[in-house]
C-alpha atoms as a PDB file:
ATOM      1  CA  MET A   1     117.269 155.106 194.903  1.00  0.00           C
ATOM      2  CA  LYS A   2     114.554 157.825 195.863  1.00  0.00           C
ATOM      3  CA  ASP A   3     110.960 157.088 195.131  1.00  0.00           C
ATOM      4  CA  GLY A   4     109.542 158.888 192.586  1.00  0.00           C
ATOM      5  CA  ILE A   5     105.886 160.678 192.746  1.00  0.00           C
ATOM      6  CA  VAL A   6     102.511 159.740 191.375  1.00  0.00           C
ATOM      7  CA  TYR A   7     100.020 162.609 190.209  1.00  0.00           C
ATOM      8  CA  ILE A   8      96.339 161.443 190.204  1.00  0.00           C
ATOM      9  CA  VAL A   9      95.218 163.949 187.817  1.00  0.00           C
ATOM     10  CA  GLY A  10      91.704 164.407 186.229  1.00  0.00           C
ATOM     11  CA  ALA A  11      91.874 165.317 182.596  1.00  0.00           C
ATOM     12  CA  GLY A  12      88.372 166.696 182.267  1.00  0.00           C
ATOM     13  CA  PRO A  13      85.194 165.315 180.291  1.00  0.00           C
ATOM     14  CA  GLY A  14      86.727 165.190 176.685  1.00  0.00           C
ATOM     15  CA  ASP A  15      87.516 168.472 175.393  1.00  0.00           C
ATOM     16  CA  PRO A  16      91.011 168.916 175.982  1.00  0.00           C
ATOM     17  CA  LYS A  17      90.985 172.626 176.869  1.00  0.00           C
ATOM     18  CA  LEU A  18      89.104 171.924 179.945  1.00  0.00           C
ATOM     19  CA  ILE A  19      91.704 170.200 181.780  1.00  0.00           C
ATOM     20  CA  THR A  20      93.101 172.257 184.848  1.00  0.00           C
ATOM     21  CA  VAL A  21      96.284 174.264 184.464  1.00  0.00           C
ATOM     22  CA  TYR A  22      97.949 171.828 187.182  1.00  0.00           C
ATOM     23  CA  GLY A  23      97.006 168.959 185.358  1.00  0.00           C
ATOM     24  CA  LEU A  24      98.425 170.172 182.207  1.00  0.00           C
ATOM     25  CA  GLU A  25     101.790 170.841 184.177  1.00  0.00           C
ATOM     26  CA  CYS A  26     101.509 166.949 185.471  1.00  0.00           C
ATOM     27  CA  ILE A  27     101.221 165.813 182.013  1.00  0.00           C
ATOM     28  CA  GLN A  28     104.199 168.280 180.565  1.00  0.00           C
ATOM     29  CA  LYS A  29     106.764 166.871 183.570  1.00  0.00           C
ATOM     30  CA  ALA A  30     105.957 163.132 183.652  1.00  0.00           C
ATOM     31  CA  ASP A  31     108.506 160.565 182.709  1.00  0.00           C
ATOM     32  CA  VAL A  32     105.325 157.746 182.703  1.00  0.00           C
ATOM     33  CA  ILE A  33     101.651 158.615 181.832  1.00  0.00           C
ATOM     34  CA  ALA A  34      99.186 156.037 182.515  1.00  0.00           C
ATOM     35  CA  TYR A  35      96.013 157.214 180.646  1.00  0.00           C
ATOM     36  CA  ASP A  36      92.137 155.857 180.629  1.00  0.00           C
ATOM     37  CA  ARG A  37      90.215 155.266 177.848  1.00  0.00           C
ATOM     38  CA  LEU A  38      88.123 158.426 177.980  1.00  0.00           C
ATOM     39  CA  VAL A  39      90.994 160.869 177.929  1.00  0.00           C
ATOM     40  CA  ASN A  40      91.347 162.856 174.958  1.00  0.00           C
ATOM     41  CA  PRO A  41      94.593 161.720 173.027  1.00  0.00           C
ATOM     42  CA  ALA A  42      95.204 165.536 172.333  1.00  0.00           C
ATOM     43  CA  LEU A  43      96.667 165.935 175.858  1.00  0.00           C
ATOM     44  CA  LEU A  44      99.142 163.166 175.212  1.00  0.00           C
ATOM     45  CA  ASP A  45     100.893 165.764 172.729  1.00  0.00           C
ATOM     46  CA  SER A  46     101.902 167.782 175.787  1.00  0.00           C
ATOM     47  CA  ALA A  47     104.139 164.932 177.199  1.00  0.00           C
ATOM     48  CA  LYS A  48     107.889 165.008 176.823  1.00  0.00           C
ATOM     49  CA  GLU A  49     109.168 163.274 173.826  1.00  0.00           C
ATOM     50  CA  ASP A  50     110.807 160.767 175.874  1.00  0.00           C
ATOM     51  CA  ALA A  51     107.732 160.074 177.992  1.00  0.00           C
ATOM     52  CA  GLU A  52     106.227 156.265 178.562  1.00  0.00           C
ATOM     53  CA  LEU A  53     102.730 156.375 177.600  1.00  0.00           C
ATOM     54  CA  VAL A  54     100.715 153.161 178.800  1.00  0.00           C
ATOM     55  CA  TYR A  55      97.212 152.720 177.772  1.00  0.00           C
ATOM     56  CA  CYS A  56      95.035 151.507 180.938  1.00  0.00           C
ATOM     57  CA  GLY A  57      91.808 151.632 179.002  1.00  0.00           C
ATOM     58  CA  LYS A  58      88.590 149.845 180.289  1.00  0.00           C
ATOM     59  CA  LEU A  59      85.304 148.604 178.476  1.00  0.00           C
ATOM     60  CA  PRO A  60      82.660 146.644 180.258  1.00  0.00           C
ATOM     61  CA  GLY A  61      84.244 143.041 180.385  1.00  0.00           C
ATOM     62  CA  LYS A  62      87.312 144.108 178.597  1.00  0.00           C
ATOM     63  CA  HIS A  63      89.889 145.626 180.530  1.00  0.00           C
ATOM     64  CA  HIS A  64      93.599 146.169 178.836  1.00  0.00           C
ATOM     65  CA  LEU A  65      94.983 146.387 182.105  1.00  0.00           C
ATOM     66  CA  ILE A  66      92.941 145.125 185.276  1.00  0.00           C
ATOM     67  CA  GLN A  67      93.030 147.504 188.132  1.00  0.00           C
ATOM     68  CA  ASP A  68      95.386 145.296 190.447  1.00  0.00           C
ATOM     69  CA  GLU A  69      97.827 145.775 187.188  1.00  0.00           C
ATOM     70  CA  ILE A  70      97.542 149.197 187.035  1.00  0.00           C
ATOM     71  CA  ASN A  71      98.274 149.637 191.054  1.00  0.00           C
ATOM     72  CA  ALA A  72     101.364 147.586 190.441  1.00  0.00           C
ATOM     73  CA  LEU A  73     102.641 149.823 187.495  1.00  0.00           C
ATOM     74  CA  LEU A  74     102.074 153.001 189.305  1.00  0.00           C
ATOM     75  CA  VAL A  75     104.052 151.447 192.426  1.00  0.00           C
ATOM     76  CA  GLU A  76     106.765 150.151 190.018  1.00  0.00           C
ATOM     77  CA  LYS A  77     107.368 153.145 188.122  1.00  0.00           C
ATOM     78  CA  ALA A  78     107.666 155.441 191.494  1.00  0.00           C
ATOM     79  CA  GLN A  79     109.710 153.196 193.156  1.00  0.00           C
ATOM     80  CA  GLN A  80     112.137 153.516 190.079  1.00  0.00           C
ATOM     81  CA  GLY A  81     112.458 157.329 190.876  1.00  0.00           C
ATOM     82  CA  LYS A  82     110.316 158.313 188.066  1.00  0.00           C
ATOM     83  CA  ILE A  83     107.442 161.186 187.768  1.00  0.00           C
ATOM     84  CA  VAL A  84     104.220 159.076 186.965  1.00  0.00           C
ATOM     85  CA  THR A  85     100.878 160.693 186.183  1.00  0.00           C
ATOM     86  CA  ARG A  86      97.831 158.612 186.095  1.00  0.00           C
ATOM     87  CA  LEU A  87      95.404 160.338 183.630  1.00  0.00           C
ATOM     88  CA  LYS A  88      91.617 159.657 184.338  1.00  0.00           C
ATOM     89  CA  GLY A  89      88.821 160.839 182.744  1.00  0.00           C
ATOM     90  CA  GLY A  90      86.733 163.499 184.412  1.00  0.00           C
ATOM     91  CA  ASP A  91      87.755 163.666 188.272  1.00  0.00           C
ATOM     92  CA  PRO A  92      89.736 160.864 189.793  1.00  0.00           C
ATOM     93  CA  PHE A  93      87.339 160.845 192.610  1.00  0.00           C
ATOM     94  CA  VAL A  94      84.107 160.672 190.814  1.00  0.00           C
ATOM     95  CA  PHE A  95      83.816 157.269 190.032  1.00  0.00           C
ATOM     96  CA  GLY A  96      87.249 156.749 188.877  1.00  0.00           C
ATOM     97  CA  ARG A  97      88.764 154.795 191.331  1.00  0.00           C
ATOM     98  CA  GLY A  98      91.403 157.384 192.289  1.00  0.00           C
ATOM     99  CA  ALA A  99      90.973 156.814 195.943  1.00  0.00           C
ATOM    100  CA  GLU A 100      91.701 152.946 195.516  1.00  0.00           C
ATOM    101  CA  GLU A 101      94.707 153.960 193.764  1.00  0.00           C
ATOM    102  CA  ALA A 102      95.965 156.633 196.315  1.00  0.00           C
ATOM    103  CA  GLU A 103      95.562 153.742 199.310  1.00  0.00           C
ATOM    104  CA  ILE A 104      97.994 151.720 197.616  1.00  0.00           C
ATOM    105  CA  LEU A 105     100.439 154.275 196.936  1.00  0.00           C
ATOM    106  CA  LYS A 106     100.008 155.127 200.523  1.00  0.00           C
ATOM    107  CA  LYS A 107     100.496 151.724 202.000  1.00  0.00           C
ATOM    108  CA  HIS A 108     103.921 151.765 199.978  1.00  0.00           C
ATOM    109  CA  GLY A 109     105.240 154.911 201.279  1.00  0.00           C
ATOM    110  CA  ILE A 110     104.932 156.652 197.896  1.00  0.00           C
ATOM    111  CA  ALA A 111     104.356 160.282 197.494  1.00  0.00           C
ATOM    112  CA  TYR A 112     101.409 161.026 195.703  1.00  0.00           C
ATOM    113  CA  GLU A 113      99.021 164.017 194.750  1.00  0.00           C
ATOM    114  CA  ILE A 114      95.535 164.308 193.675  1.00  0.00           C
ATOM    115  CA  VAL A 115      94.442 166.852 191.117  1.00  0.00           C
ATOM    116  CA  PRO A 116      91.065 167.336 190.718  1.00  0.00           C
ATOM    117  CA  GLY A 117      89.397 167.684 187.477  1.00  0.00           C
ATOM    118  CA  ILE A 118      85.916 168.704 185.462  1.00  0.00           C
ATOM    119  CA  THR A 119      83.393 165.754 186.005  1.00  0.00           C
ATOM    120  CA  ALA A 120      80.989 164.861 183.176  1.00  0.00           C
ATOM    121  CA  GLY A 121      78.164 165.132 185.448  1.00  0.00           C
ATOM    122  CA  ILE A 122      78.437 168.954 185.240  1.00  0.00           C
ATOM    123  CA  ALA A 123      80.138 169.448 182.094  1.00  0.00           C
ATOM    124  CA  ALA A 124      78.632 167.557 179.561  1.00  0.00           C
ATOM    125  CA  PRO A 125      75.116 168.837 180.602  1.00  0.00           C
ATOM    126  CA  ALA A 126      76.719 172.458 180.377  1.00  0.00           C
ATOM    127  CA  TYR A 127      77.484 171.992 176.858  1.00  0.00           C
ATOM    128  CA  ALA A 128      74.229 170.725 176.152  1.00  0.00           C
ATOM    129  CA  GLY A 129      72.811 174.153 177.482  1.00  0.00           C
ATOM    130  CA  ILE A 130      71.586 172.158 180.863  1.00  0.00           C
ATOM    131  CA  PRO A 131      72.343 173.661 183.919  1.00  0.00           C
ATOM    132  CA  VAL A 132      72.632 171.018 186.784  1.00  0.00           C
ATOM    133  CA  THR A 133      71.158 173.909 189.598  1.00  0.00           C
ATOM    134  CA  HIS A 134      68.683 176.723 188.921  1.00  0.00           C
ATOM    135  CA  ARG A 135      66.911 178.566 191.604  1.00  0.00           C
ATOM    136  CA  ASP A 136      63.631 178.290 189.332  1.00  0.00           C
ATOM    137  CA  PHE A 137      63.932 174.486 189.362  1.00  0.00           C
ATOM    138  CA  ALA A 138      66.721 172.599 191.189  1.00  0.00           C
ATOM    139  CA  THR A 139      68.583 173.423 194.532  1.00  0.00           C
ATOM    140  CA  SER A 140      69.908 169.980 194.827  1.00  0.00           C
ATOM    141  CA  PHE A 141      72.268 167.669 192.489  1.00  0.00           C
ATOM    142  CA  ALA A 142      73.268 164.036 192.818  1.00  0.00           C
ATOM    143  CA  LEU A 143      75.864 162.405 190.996  1.00  0.00           C
ATOM    144  CA  VAL A 144      74.876 158.573 190.706  1.00  0.00           C
ATOM    145  CA  THR A 145      76.518 155.501 188.876  1.00  0.00           C
ATOM    146  CA  GLY A 146      74.270 153.511 186.812  1.00  0.00           C
ATOM    147  CA  HIS A 147      75.949 150.299 188.134  1.00  0.00           C
ATOM    148  CA  GLY A 148      77.700 148.864 191.240  1.00  0.00           C
ATOM    149  CA  ARG A 149      79.671 146.146 192.121  1.00  0.00           C
ATOM    150  CA  GLU A 150      78.082 143.241 190.903  1.00  0.00           C
ATOM    151  CA  GLU A 151      77.850 141.389 193.988  1.00  0.00           C
ATOM    152  CA  LYS A 152      75.571 143.812 195.315  1.00  0.00           C
ATOM    153  CA  GLY A 153      73.144 143.654 192.410  1.00  0.00           C
ATOM    154  CA  GLN A 154      70.997 146.253 190.960  1.00  0.00           C
ATOM    155  CA  ASP A 155      69.277 147.538 194.244  1.00  0.00           C
ATOM    156  CA  PHE A 156      72.205 149.330 195.437  1.00  0.00           C
ATOM    157  CA  LEU A 157      70.761 152.747 195.481  1.00  0.00           C
ATOM    158  CA  ASN A 158      68.345 154.767 197.579  1.00  0.00           C
ATOM    159  CA  TRP A 159      65.768 154.787 195.048  1.00  0.00           C
ATOM    160  CA  PRO A 160      63.168 156.509 197.174  1.00  0.00           C
ATOM    161  CA  ALA A 161      65.779 159.487 197.798  1.00  0.00           C
ATOM    162  CA  LEU A 162      67.005 159.877 194.350  1.00  0.00           C
ATOM    163  CA  ALA A 163      63.382 159.696 193.165  1.00  0.00           C
ATOM    164  CA  THR A 164      61.600 162.481 195.507  1.00  0.00           C
ATOM    165  CA  GLY A 165      64.527 163.844 197.559  1.00  0.00           C
ATOM    166  CA  ILE A 166      66.832 165.209 194.717  1.00  0.00           C
ATOM    167  CA  ASP A 167      65.814 167.751 192.227  1.00  0.00           C
ATOM    168  CA  THR A 168      68.519 166.923 189.696  1.00  0.00           C
ATOM    169  CA  VAL A 169      70.163 163.407 189.233  1.00  0.00           C
ATOM    170  CA  ALA A 170      72.917 162.679 186.716  1.00  0.00           C
ATOM    171  CA  PHE A 171      73.547 159.165 185.763  1.00  0.00           C
ATOM    172  CA  TYR A 172      77.043 158.032 184.515  1.00  0.00           C
ATOM    173  CA  MET A 173      77.425 154.568 182.656  1.00  0.00           C
ATOM    174  CA  SER A 174      73.898 154.168 182.491  1.00  0.00           C
ATOM    175  CA  VAL A 175      72.606 153.662 178.698  1.00  0.00           C
ATOM    176  CA  GLY A 176      72.404 149.890 179.250  1.00  0.00           C
ATOM    177  CA  ASN A 177      70.483 150.055 182.338  1.00  0.00           C
ATOM    178  CA  ILE A 178      68.256 152.870 181.690  1.00  0.00           C
ATOM    179  CA  ALA A 179      64.569 150.922 181.419  1.00  0.00           C
ATOM    180  CA  TYR A 180      65.601 149.565 184.945  1.00  0.00           C
ATOM    181  CA  ILE A 181      66.534 152.992 186.224  1.00  0.00           C
ATOM    182  CA  ALA A 182      63.735 155.090 184.928  1.00  0.00           C
ATOM    183  CA  GLN A 183      61.079 152.292 186.139  1.00  0.00           C
ATOM    184  CA  LYS A 184      62.718 152.401 189.541  1.00  0.00           C
ATOM    185  CA  LEU A 185      62.499 156.106 189.669  1.00  0.00           C
ATOM    186  CA  ILE A 186      58.835 155.908 188.968  1.00  0.00           C
ATOM    187  CA  ASP A 187      58.069 153.053 191.056  1.00  0.00           C
ATOM    188  CA  ASN A 188      59.264 155.370 194.165  1.00  0.00           C
ATOM    189  CA  GLY A 189      57.585 158.390 193.474  1.00  0.00           C
ATOM    190  CA  ARG A 190      59.187 160.389 190.444  1.00  0.00           C
ATOM    191  CA  LYS A 191      56.752 161.280 187.582  1.00  0.00           C
ATOM    192  CA  ALA A 192      56.716 159.517 184.738  1.00  0.00           C
ATOM    193  CA  THR A 193      56.760 162.857 182.813  1.00  0.00           C
ATOM    194  CA  THR A 194      60.009 164.100 184.297  1.00  0.00           C
ATOM    195  CA  PRO A 195      62.123 165.472 181.570  1.00  0.00           C
ATOM    196  CA  VAL A 196      65.448 163.393 180.823  1.00  0.00           C
ATOM    197  CA  ALA A 197      68.608 164.378 178.727  1.00  0.00           C
ATOM    198  CA  VAL A 198      70.930 161.722 177.088  1.00  0.00           C
ATOM    199  CA  ILE A 199      74.139 163.443 176.403  1.00  0.00           C
ATOM    200  CA  GLU A 200      76.434 161.144 174.114  1.00  0.00           C
ATOM    201  CA  TRP A 201      80.103 161.885 173.943  1.00  0.00           C
ATOM    202  CA  GLY A 202      79.843 165.163 176.137  1.00  0.00           C
ATOM    203  CA  THR A 203      82.373 168.299 175.198  1.00  0.00           C
ATOM    204  CA  THR A 204      83.515 166.831 172.396  1.00  0.00           C
ATOM    205  CA  ALA A 205      83.107 166.910 168.536  1.00  0.00           C
ATOM    206  CA  GLN A 206      80.660 163.784 168.676  1.00  0.00           C
ATOM    207  CA  GLN A 207      78.394 164.815 170.984  1.00  0.00           C
ATOM    208  CA  ARG A 208      74.756 164.663 170.456  1.00  0.00           C
ATOM    209  CA  THR A 209      71.938 165.174 172.720  1.00  0.00           C
ATOM    210  CA  ILE A 210      68.123 163.798 173.128  1.00  0.00           C
ATOM    211  CA  THR A 211      65.627 164.684 175.232  1.00  0.00           C
ATOM    212  CA  GLY A 212      62.145 163.253 176.452  1.00  0.00           C
ATOM    213  CA  GLN A 213      60.190 161.813 179.482  1.00  0.00           C
ATOM    214  CA  LEU A 214      61.192 159.377 181.949  1.00  0.00           C
ATOM    215  CA  ASP A 215      59.059 156.905 180.865  1.00  0.00           C
ATOM    216  CA  GLU A 216      59.743 156.834 177.451  1.00  0.00           C
ATOM    217  CA  ILE A 217      63.448 157.590 177.322  1.00  0.00           C
ATOM    218  CA  ALA A 218      64.818 153.815 177.142  1.00  0.00           C
ATOM    219  CA  ASN A 219      62.851 153.472 173.696  1.00  0.00           C
ATOM    220  CA  ILE A 220      64.426 156.795 172.344  1.00  0.00           C
ATOM    221  CA  ILE A 221      67.664 155.695 173.327  1.00  0.00           C
ATOM    222  CA  GLU A 222      67.158 152.269 171.418  1.00  0.00           C
ATOM    223  CA  ARG A 223      65.509 154.160 168.739  1.00  0.00           C
ATOM    224  CA  GLU A 224      68.133 156.845 168.265  1.00  0.00           C
ATOM    225  CA  GLY A 225      71.106 154.302 168.969  1.00  0.00           C
ATOM    226  CA  TYR A 226      72.727 156.169 171.785  1.00  0.00           C
ATOM    227  CA  HIS A 227      75.696 154.276 173.488  1.00  0.00           C
ATOM    228  CA  ASN A 228      78.299 154.914 176.435  1.00  0.00           C
ATOM    229  CA  PRO A 229      79.888 157.228 177.122  1.00  0.00           C
ATOM    230  CA  SER A 230      76.932 159.241 177.951  1.00  0.00           C
ATOM    231  CA  MET A 231      75.407 161.213 180.668  1.00  0.00           C
ATOM    232  CA  ILE A 232      71.792 160.781 181.471  1.00  0.00           C
ATOM    233  CA  VAL A 233      70.052 163.819 183.552  1.00  0.00           C
ATOM    234  CA  VAL A 234      67.098 163.753 185.177  1.00  0.00           C
ATOM    235  CA  GLY A 235      64.963 166.715 186.294  1.00  0.00           C
ATOM    236  CA  ASP A 236      63.367 169.889 185.487  1.00  0.00           C
ATOM    237  CA  VAL A 237      66.244 171.773 184.465  1.00  0.00           C
ATOM    238  CA  VAL A 238      66.261 169.778 181.254  1.00  0.00           C
ATOM    239  CA  ASN A 239      63.710 172.239 179.785  1.00  0.00           C
ATOM    240  CA  VAL A 240      66.180 174.955 180.274  1.00  0.00           C
ATOM    241  CA  ARG A 241      68.055 173.587 177.408  1.00  0.00           C
ATOM    242  CA  GLU A 242      65.503 174.903 175.151  1.00  0.00           C
ATOM    243  CA  LYS A 243      66.772 178.586 175.710  1.00  0.00           C
ATOM    244  CA  ILE A 244      70.128 178.374 176.101  1.00  0.00           C
ATOM    245  CA  GLN A 245      71.518 175.267 174.190  1.00  0.00           C
ATOM    246  CA  TRP A 246      74.730 176.289 172.450  1.00  0.00           C
ATOM    247  CA  PHE A 247      77.388 173.719 171.771  1.00  0.00           C
ATOM    248  CA  GLU A 248      75.701 171.586 169.234  1.00  0.00           C
ATOM    249  CA  GLU A 249      73.555 174.466 167.830  1.00  0.00           C
ATOM    250  CA  GLN A 250      76.563 176.766 167.064  1.00  0.00           C
ATOM    251  CA  GLY A 251      78.430 173.999 165.480  1.00  0.00           C
ATOM    252  CA  LEU A 252      81.320 174.008 167.603  1.00  0.00           C
ATOM    253  CA  ALA A 253      83.773 171.196 167.719  1.00  0.00           C
ATOM    254  CA  PHE A 254      86.807 170.300 169.804  1.00  0.00           C
ATOM    255  CA  SER A 255      89.301 167.305 168.640  1.00  0.00           C
END
């Protein structure tokens, strides 16, 4: 039997209309769709009636399928000659373990394609009216994970570079660690008054945004009850929101 193929697809940040044309095609032709927690369920409506849907969602400490099981699933289904779409929130190569899955497929001689998606670090700020770059405020931009492998501990980032060398920093998966992050940035030279935005459920109907200063944002998050999934954006570009915020202001809503 000829092996199938695996498409490692970025589903975008939440709004189902933000998936790429090719990503949607991969959903439509798949025999098997292995999808993550933050994939908008509306995208699965485009699957074939007989497509097998496998939930691979992950929460901190609560994995429906662990990564090794997901890898084995992709290999098994492809070796059965099936078209497999591995559907990931955002972009598969931005904190999405897409490279790890591609390595396993390569090791087993299985054909695969990487289909990029729109990552939340750009899309969520855009929907909140925050440009991650702006010729008056920011000519550099970094995407940063708010936590790393546990065995590396918390000091896994180049804090001096992030604090003083990058204009805009977007932190993923950081709400629970924001007090530590804010303090490390301040300790390494970032102004305590630097504007910060927190965007919860960006690009979806549940989106809400708060802003504040770096030295107060942890208290604001706790007071307002913000949780993951949230993007945290640090930098002067946050002030642009006052002029061009649109999504929440216009009451636009996507399921």
